[in-house]
PDB file of N, CA and C in Angstrom:
ATOM      1  N   MET A   1      90.490 112.221  77.275  1.00  0.00           N
ATOM      2  CA  MET A   1      91.442 111.812  78.371  1.00  0.00           C
ATOM      3  C   MET A   1      90.566 111.476  79.570  1.00  0.00           C
ATOM      4  N   THR A   2      90.950 110.603  80.325  1.00  0.00           N
ATOM      5  CA  THR A   2      90.240 110.135  81.639  1.00  0.00           C
ATOM      6  C   THR A   2      90.686 110.975  82.840  1.00  0.00           C
ATOM      7  N   SER A   3      89.808 111.462  83.562  1.00  0.00           N
ATOM      8  CA  SER A   3      90.235 112.138  84.798  1.00  0.00           C
ATOM      9  C   SER A   3      89.515 111.467  86.060  1.00  0.00           C
ATOM     10  N   VAL A   4      90.341 111.362  87.089  1.00  0.00           N
ATOM     11  CA  VAL A   4      89.895 110.796  88.326  1.00  0.00           C
ATOM     12  C   VAL A   4      89.851 111.698  89.489  1.00  0.00           C
ATOM     13  N   GLU A   5      88.817 111.683  90.298  1.00  0.00           N
ATOM     14  CA  GLU A   5      88.779 112.563  91.545  1.00  0.00           C
ATOM     15  C   GLU A   5      88.417 111.610  92.728  1.00  0.00           C
ATOM     16  N   ILE A   6      89.372 111.886  93.660  1.00  0.00           N
ATOM     17  CA  ILE A   6      89.179 111.214  95.019  1.00  0.00           C
ATOM     18  C   ILE A   6      88.760 112.282  95.971  1.00  0.00           C
ATOM     19  N   GLN A   7      87.600 112.063  96.612  1.00  0.00           N
ATOM     20  CA  GLN A   7      87.295 112.904  97.772  1.00  0.00           C
ATOM     21  C   GLN A   7      87.326 112.203  98.935  1.00  0.00           C
ATOM     22  N   TYR A   8      88.003 112.870  99.960  1.00  0.00           N
ATOM     23  CA  TYR A   8      88.274 112.150 101.192  1.00  0.00           C
ATOM     24  C   TYR A   8      88.031 113.069 102.421  1.00  0.00           C
ATOM     25  N   CYS A   9      87.721 112.430 103.523  1.00  0.00           N
ATOM     26  CA  CYS A   9      87.373 113.201 104.729  1.00  0.00           C
ATOM     27  C   CYS A   9      88.743 113.617 105.451  1.00  0.00           C
ATOM     28  N   VAL A  10      88.765 114.854 105.478  1.00  0.00           N
ATOM     29  CA  VAL A  10      89.994 115.453 106.265  1.00  0.00           C
ATOM     30  C   VAL A  10      90.001 115.158 107.742  1.00  0.00           C
ATOM     31  N   PRO A  11      88.919 115.412 108.474  1.00  0.00           N
ATOM     32  CA  PRO A  11      88.892 115.123 109.858  1.00  0.00           C
ATOM     33  C   PRO A  11      89.096 113.694 110.304  1.00  0.00           C
ATOM     34  N   CYS A  12      88.691 112.760 109.337  1.00  0.00           N
ATOM     35  CA  CYS A  12      88.783 111.358 109.544  1.00  0.00           C
ATOM     36  C   CYS A  12      90.228 110.781 109.433  1.00  0.00           C
ATOM     37  N   GLY A  13      91.107 111.656 108.836  1.00  0.00           N
ATOM     38  CA  GLY A  13      92.389 111.189 108.478  1.00  0.00           C
ATOM     39  C   GLY A  13      92.609 110.256 107.327  1.00  0.00           C
ATOM     40  N   HIS A  14      91.771 110.501 106.357  1.00  0.00           N
ATOM     41  CA  HIS A  14      91.817 109.702 105.155  1.00  0.00           C
ATOM     42  C   HIS A  14      92.903 110.142 104.041  1.00  0.00           C
ATOM     43  N   LEU A  15      93.619 111.143 104.374  1.00  0.00           N
ATOM     44  CA  LEU A  15      94.555 111.772 103.388  1.00  0.00           C
ATOM     45  C   LEU A  15      95.554 110.679 102.964  1.00  0.00           C
ATOM     46  N   ASP A  16      96.051 109.960 103.905  1.00  0.00           N
ATOM     47  CA  ASP A  16      97.097 108.973 103.527  1.00  0.00           C
ATOM     48  C   ASP A  16      96.409 107.852 102.555  1.00  0.00           C
ATOM     49  N   ARG A  17      95.333 107.387 102.793  1.00  0.00           N
ATOM     50  CA  ARG A  17      94.658 106.503 101.950  1.00  0.00           C
ATOM     51  C   ARG A  17      94.374 107.105 100.590  1.00  0.00           C
ATOM     52  N   ALA A  18      93.892 108.437 100.539  1.00  0.00           N
ATOM     53  CA  ALA A  18      93.703 109.099  99.266  1.00  0.00           C
ATOM     54  C   ALA A  18      95.043 109.215  98.492  1.00  0.00           C
ATOM     55  N   ILE A  19      96.053 109.584  99.167  1.00  0.00           N
ATOM     56  CA  ILE A  19      97.352 109.655  98.495  1.00  0.00           C
ATOM     57  C   ILE A  19      97.899 108.421  97.890  1.00  0.00           C
ATOM     58  N   ASP A  20      97.752 107.277  98.730  1.00  0.00           N
ATOM     59  CA  ASP A  20      98.092 105.830  98.275  1.00  0.00           C
ATOM     60  C   ASP A  20      97.311 105.510  97.051  1.00  0.00           C
ATOM     61  N   THR A  21      96.043 105.812  97.085  1.00  0.00           N
ATOM     62  CA  THR A  21      95.147 105.441  95.979  1.00  0.00           C
ATOM     63  C   THR A  21      95.549 106.174  94.750  1.00  0.00           C
ATOM     64  N   GLN A  22      95.752 107.537  94.912  1.00  0.00           N
ATOM     65  CA  GLN A  22      96.248 108.436  93.839  1.00  0.00           C
ATOM     66  C   GLN A  22      97.505 107.789  93.258  1.00  0.00           C
ATOM     67  N   ARG A  23      98.442 107.602  93.943  1.00  0.00           N
ATOM     68  CA  ARG A  23      99.784 107.121  93.595  1.00  0.00           C
ATOM     69  C   ARG A  23      99.621 105.759  92.844  1.00  0.00           C
ATOM     70  N   HIS A  24      98.801 104.858  93.334  1.00  0.00           N
ATOM     71  CA  HIS A  24      98.557 103.662  92.741  1.00  0.00           C
ATOM     72  C   HIS A  24      97.924 103.785  91.271  1.00  0.00           C
ATOM     73  N   LEU A  25      96.889 104.549  91.172  1.00  0.00           N
ATOM     74  CA  LEU A  25      96.292 104.787  89.909  1.00  0.00           C
ATOM     75  C   LEU A  25      97.223 105.530  88.840  1.00  0.00           C
ATOM     76  N   LEU A  26      98.068 106.362  89.384  1.00  0.00           N
ATOM     77  CA  LEU A  26      99.024 107.079  88.469  1.00  0.00           C
ATOM     78  C   LEU A  26     100.058 106.103  88.055  1.00  0.00           C
ATOM     79  N   GLU A  27     100.515 105.229  88.921  1.00  0.00           N
ATOM     80  CA  GLU A  27     101.471 104.214  88.615  1.00  0.00           C
ATOM     81  C   GLU A  27     100.896 103.159  87.587  1.00  0.00           C
ATOM     82  N   LYS A  28      99.748 102.763  87.779  1.00  0.00           N
ATOM     83  CA  LYS A  28      99.068 101.730  86.937  1.00  0.00           C
ATOM     84  C   LYS A  28      98.694 102.258  85.574  1.00  0.00           C
ATOM     85  N   PHE A  29      98.122 103.461  85.492  1.00  0.00           N
ATOM     86  CA  PHE A  29      97.636 103.916  84.238  1.00  0.00           C
ATOM     87  C   PHE A  29      98.365 105.043  83.534  1.00  0.00           C
ATOM     88  N   GLY A  30      99.372 105.628  84.292  1.00  0.00           N
ATOM     89  CA  GLY A  30     100.243 106.568  83.766  1.00  0.00           C
ATOM     90  C   GLY A  30      99.686 107.692  82.899  1.00  0.00           C
ATOM     91  N   GLU A  31     100.224 107.741  81.664  1.00  0.00           N
ATOM     92  CA  GLU A  31      99.781 108.824  80.801  1.00  0.00           C
ATOM     93  C   GLU A  31      98.350 108.630  80.184  1.00  0.00           C
ATOM     94  N   GLN A  32      97.725 107.464  80.469  1.00  0.00           N
ATOM     95  CA  GLN A  32      96.365 107.295  80.051  1.00  0.00           C
ATOM     96  C   GLN A  32      95.369 108.161  80.797  1.00  0.00           C
ATOM     97  N   LEU A  33      95.825 108.644  81.926  1.00  0.00           N
ATOM     98  CA  LEU A  33      95.031 109.689  82.732  1.00  0.00           C
ATOM     99  C   LEU A  33      95.360 111.003  82.546  1.00  0.00           C
ATOM    100  N   GLU A  34      94.464 111.861  82.604  1.00  0.00           N
ATOM    101  CA  GLU A  34      94.679 113.337  82.536  1.00  0.00           C
ATOM    102  C   GLU A  34      95.302 113.767  83.847  1.00  0.00           C
ATOM    103  N   GLY A  35      94.766 113.076  84.925  1.00  0.00           N
ATOM    104  CA  GLY A  35      95.275 113.266  86.279  1.00  0.00           C
ATOM    105  C   GLY A  35      94.320 112.686  87.271  1.00  0.00           C
ATOM    106  N   VAL A  36      94.764 112.664  88.512  1.00  0.00           N
ATOM    107  CA  VAL A  36      94.062 112.108  89.611  1.00  0.00           C
ATOM    108  C   VAL A  36      93.962 113.325  90.762  1.00  0.00           C
ATOM    109  N   ARG A  37      92.819 113.950  90.843  1.00  0.00           N
ATOM    110  CA  ARG A  37      92.710 115.048  91.673  1.00  0.00           C
ATOM    111  C   ARG A  37      92.172 114.583  93.101  1.00  0.00           C
ATOM    112  N   LEU A  38      92.784 115.225  94.066  1.00  0.00           N
ATOM    113  CA  LEU A  38      92.354 114.967  95.465  1.00  0.00           C
ATOM    114  C   LEU A  38      91.407 116.194  95.787  1.00  0.00           C
ATOM    115  N   LYS A  39      90.317 115.874  96.438  1.00  0.00           N
ATOM    116  CA  LYS A  39      89.341 116.819  96.841  1.00  0.00           C
ATOM    117  C   LYS A  39      89.013 116.752  98.301  1.00  0.00           C
ATOM    118  N   THR A  40      89.136 117.648  99.097  1.00  0.00           N
ATOM    119  CA  THR A  40      88.826 117.540 100.569  1.00  0.00           C
ATOM    120  C   THR A  40      87.370 117.390 100.769  1.00  0.00           C
ATOM    121  N   GLY A  41      86.932 116.706 101.895  1.00  0.00           N
ATOM    122  CA  GLY A  41      85.584 116.641 102.269  1.00  0.00           C
ATOM    123  C   GLY A  41      85.465 116.414 103.756  1.00  0.00           C
ATOM    124  N   ASN A  42      84.329 115.986 104.253  1.00  0.00           N
ATOM    125  CA  ASN A  42      84.091 115.671 105.693  1.00  0.00           C
ATOM    126  C   ASN A  42      83.005 114.611 105.818  1.00  0.00           C
ATOM    127  N   SER A  43      82.529 114.367 107.037  1.00  0.00           N
ATOM    128  CA  SER A  43      81.452 113.423 107.259  1.00  0.00           C
ATOM    129  C   SER A  43      81.720 111.902 106.876  1.00  0.00           C
ATOM    130  N   GLY A  44      83.190 111.617 106.904  1.00  0.00           N
ATOM    131  CA  GLY A  44      83.508 110.275 106.548  1.00  0.00           C
ATOM    132  C   GLY A  44      83.616 109.945 105.137  1.00  0.00           C
ATOM    133  N   VAL A  45      83.422 110.850 104.205  1.00  0.00           N
ATOM    134  CA  VAL A  45      83.517 110.658 102.855  1.00  0.00           C
ATOM    135  C   VAL A  45      84.817 110.068 102.401  1.00  0.00           C
ATOM    136  N   PHE A  46      84.741 109.097 101.437  1.00  0.00           N
ATOM    137  CA  PHE A  46      85.892 108.555 100.644  1.00  0.00           C
ATOM    138  C   PHE A  46      85.285 108.072  99.362  1.00  0.00           C
ATOM    139  N   THR A  47      85.274 108.770  98.384  1.00  0.00           N
ATOM    140  CA  THR A  47      84.675 108.431  97.105  1.00  0.00           C
ATOM    141  C   THR A  47      85.728 108.590  95.939  1.00  0.00           C
ATOM    142  N   VAL A  48      85.489 107.853  94.873  1.00  0.00           N
ATOM    143  CA  VAL A  48      86.212 107.818  93.680  1.00  0.00           C
ATOM    144  C   VAL A  48      85.357 108.014  92.487  1.00  0.00           C
ATOM    145  N   ALA A  49      85.598 109.044  91.650  1.00  0.00           N
ATOM    146  CA  ALA A  49      84.840 109.281  90.506  1.00  0.00           C
ATOM    147  C   ALA A  49      85.724 109.248  89.197  1.00  0.00           C
ATOM    148  N   VAL A  50      85.222 108.685  88.161  1.00  0.00           N
ATOM    149  CA  VAL A  50      85.896 108.820  86.805  1.00  0.00           C
ATOM    150  C   VAL A  50      85.023 109.553  85.880  1.00  0.00           C
ATOM    151  N   ASN A  51      85.700 110.618  85.317  1.00  0.00           N
ATOM    152  CA  ASN A  51      84.996 111.487  84.460  1.00  0.00           C
ATOM    153  C   ASN A  51      83.627 111.916  85.015  1.00  0.00           C
ATOM    154  N   GLY A  52      83.541 112.173  86.242  1.00  0.00           N
ATOM    155  CA  GLY A  52      82.304 112.648  86.946  1.00  0.00           C
ATOM    156  C   GLY A  52      81.313 111.574  87.441  1.00  0.00           C
ATOM    157  N   GLU A  53      81.625 110.272  87.046  1.00  0.00           N
ATOM    158  CA  GLU A  53      80.785 109.209  87.431  1.00  0.00           C
ATOM    159  C   GLU A  53      81.471 108.394  88.682  1.00  0.00           C
ATOM    160  N   GLN A  54      80.693 108.417  89.723  1.00  0.00           N
ATOM    161  CA  GLN A  54      81.149 107.799  90.934  1.00  0.00           C
ATOM    162  C   GLN A  54      81.243 106.308  90.731  1.00  0.00           C
ATOM    163  N   VAL A  55      82.578 105.779  91.062  1.00  0.00           N
ATOM    164  CA  VAL A  55      82.774 104.280  90.931  1.00  0.00           C
ATOM    165  C   VAL A  55      83.009 103.578  92.230  1.00  0.00           C
ATOM    166  N   PHE A  56      83.187 104.321  93.346  1.00  0.00           N
ATOM    167  CA  PHE A  56      83.441 103.873  94.586  1.00  0.00           C
ATOM    168  C   PHE A  56      82.923 104.733  95.727  1.00  0.00           C
ATOM    169  N   ASP A  57      82.365 104.256  96.695  1.00  0.00           N
ATOM    170  CA  ASP A  57      81.938 104.990  97.901  1.00  0.00           C
ATOM    171  C   ASP A  57      82.122 104.153  99.143  1.00  0.00           C
ATOM    172  N   LYS A  58      82.910 104.657 100.012  1.00  0.00           N
ATOM    173  CA  LYS A  58      83.224 103.824 101.184  1.00  0.00           C
ATOM    174  C   LYS A  58      81.978 103.496 102.055  1.00  0.00           C
ATOM    175  N   LYS A  59      80.956 104.431 101.939  1.00  0.00           N
ATOM    176  CA  LYS A  59      79.839 104.179 102.718  1.00  0.00           C
ATOM    177  C   LYS A  59      78.910 102.959 102.233  1.00  0.00           C
ATOM    178  N   ALA A  60      79.226 102.601 100.908  1.00  0.00           N
ATOM    179  CA  ALA A  60      78.503 101.487 100.285  1.00  0.00           C
ATOM    180  C   ALA A  60      79.190 100.197 100.346  1.00  0.00           C
ATOM    181  N   GLN A  61      80.499 100.204 100.426  1.00  0.00           N
ATOM    182  CA  GLN A  61      81.351  99.045 100.370  1.00  0.00           C
ATOM    183  C   GLN A  61      82.663  99.281 101.109  1.00  0.00           C
ATOM    184  N   PRO A  62      83.286  98.265 101.608  1.00  0.00           N
ATOM    185  CA  PRO A  62      84.599  98.390 102.272  1.00  0.00           C
ATOM    186  C   PRO A  62      85.721  98.836 101.291  1.00  0.00           C
ATOM    187  N   PHE A  63      86.678  99.554 101.744  1.00  0.00           N
ATOM    188  CA  PHE A  63      87.783  99.971 100.813  1.00  0.00           C
ATOM    189  C   PHE A  63      88.499  98.822 100.294  1.00  0.00           C
ATOM    190  N   ASP A  64      88.663  98.821  98.929  1.00  0.00           N
ATOM    191  CA  ASP A  64      89.214  97.768  98.208  1.00  0.00           C
ATOM    192  C   ASP A  64      89.967  98.375  96.971  1.00  0.00           C
ATOM    193  N   LEU A  65      91.286  98.499  97.178  1.00  0.00           N
ATOM    194  CA  LEU A  65      92.033  99.175  96.123  1.00  0.00           C
ATOM    195  C   LEU A  65      91.954  98.438  94.716  1.00  0.00           C
ATOM    196  N   ASP A  66      91.921  97.107  94.757  1.00  0.00           N
ATOM    197  CA  ASP A  66      91.805  96.303  93.550  1.00  0.00           C
ATOM    198  C   ASP A  66      90.495  96.554  92.893  1.00  0.00           C
ATOM    199  N   MET A  67      89.434  96.627  93.614  1.00  0.00           N
ATOM    200  CA  MET A  67      88.121  97.017  92.970  1.00  0.00           C
ATOM    201  C   MET A  67      88.079  98.368  92.462  1.00  0.00           C
ATOM    202  N   ILE A  68      88.656  99.301  93.146  1.00  0.00           N
ATOM    203  CA  ILE A  68      88.803 100.651  92.585  1.00  0.00           C
ATOM    204  C   ILE A  68      89.548 100.719  91.260  1.00  0.00           C
ATOM    205  N   THR A  69      90.724 100.019  91.254  1.00  0.00           N
ATOM    206  CA  THR A  69      91.560  99.860  90.110  1.00  0.00           C
ATOM    207  C   THR A  69      90.848  99.334  88.910  1.00  0.00           C
ATOM    208  N   GLU A  70      90.064  98.306  89.157  1.00  0.00           N
ATOM    209  CA  GLU A  70      89.311  97.615  88.058  1.00  0.00           C
ATOM    210  C   GLU A  70      88.166  98.496  87.570  1.00  0.00           C
ATOM    211  N   ALA A  71      87.548  99.254  88.402  1.00  0.00           N
ATOM    212  CA  ALA A  71      86.484 100.159  87.995  1.00  0.00           C
ATOM    213  C   ALA A  71      87.083 101.331  87.172  1.00  0.00           C
ATOM    214  N   VAL A  72      88.325 101.822  87.516  1.00  0.00           N
ATOM    215  CA  VAL A  72      89.036 102.787  86.754  1.00  0.00           C
ATOM    216  C   VAL A  72      89.393 102.203  85.492  1.00  0.00           C
ATOM    217  N   ALA A  73      89.892 100.959  85.332  1.00  0.00           N
ATOM    218  CA  ALA A  73      90.455 100.350  84.241  1.00  0.00           C
ATOM    219  C   ALA A  73      89.338 100.283  83.107  1.00  0.00           C
ATOM    220  N   THR A  74      88.108  99.948  83.625  1.00  0.00           N
ATOM    221  CA  THR A  74      87.011  99.782  82.531  1.00  0.00           C
ATOM    222  C   THR A  74      86.598 101.090  81.976  1.00  0.00           C
ATOM    223  N   ARG A  75      87.114 102.233  82.572  1.00  0.00           N
ATOM    224  CA  ARG A  75      86.823 103.543  81.860  1.00  0.00           C
ATOM    225  C   ARG A  75      87.950 104.363  81.432  1.00  0.00           C
ATOM    226  N   VAL A  76      89.081 103.759  81.487  1.00  0.00           N
ATOM    227  CA  VAL A  76      90.208 104.382  80.846  1.00  0.00           C
ATOM    228  C   VAL A  76      90.228 104.278  79.336  1.00  0.00           C
ATOM    229  N   GLY A  77      90.574 105.381  78.682  1.00  0.00           N
ATOM    230  CA  GLY A  77      90.637 105.341  77.249  1.00  0.00           C
ATOM    231  C   GLY A  77      89.411 105.847  76.722  1.00  0.00           C
TER     232      GLY A  77
END
């Protein structure tokens, strides 16, 4: 089963973005995912990892939900 972890910066107010991303991935992939875990962080962090492999980092590229979804899709199953 595929697991996703979203780490987000609490002081930066990224919780809403993390929840929106979590909801979108669960709606898109449903039972194909073991779950989408939210993990708190700081220092501006917003990353997405699939099975422990980082597929998105806000520091390296602008937030793009479609790109995140595509990266997850290639690793589901």
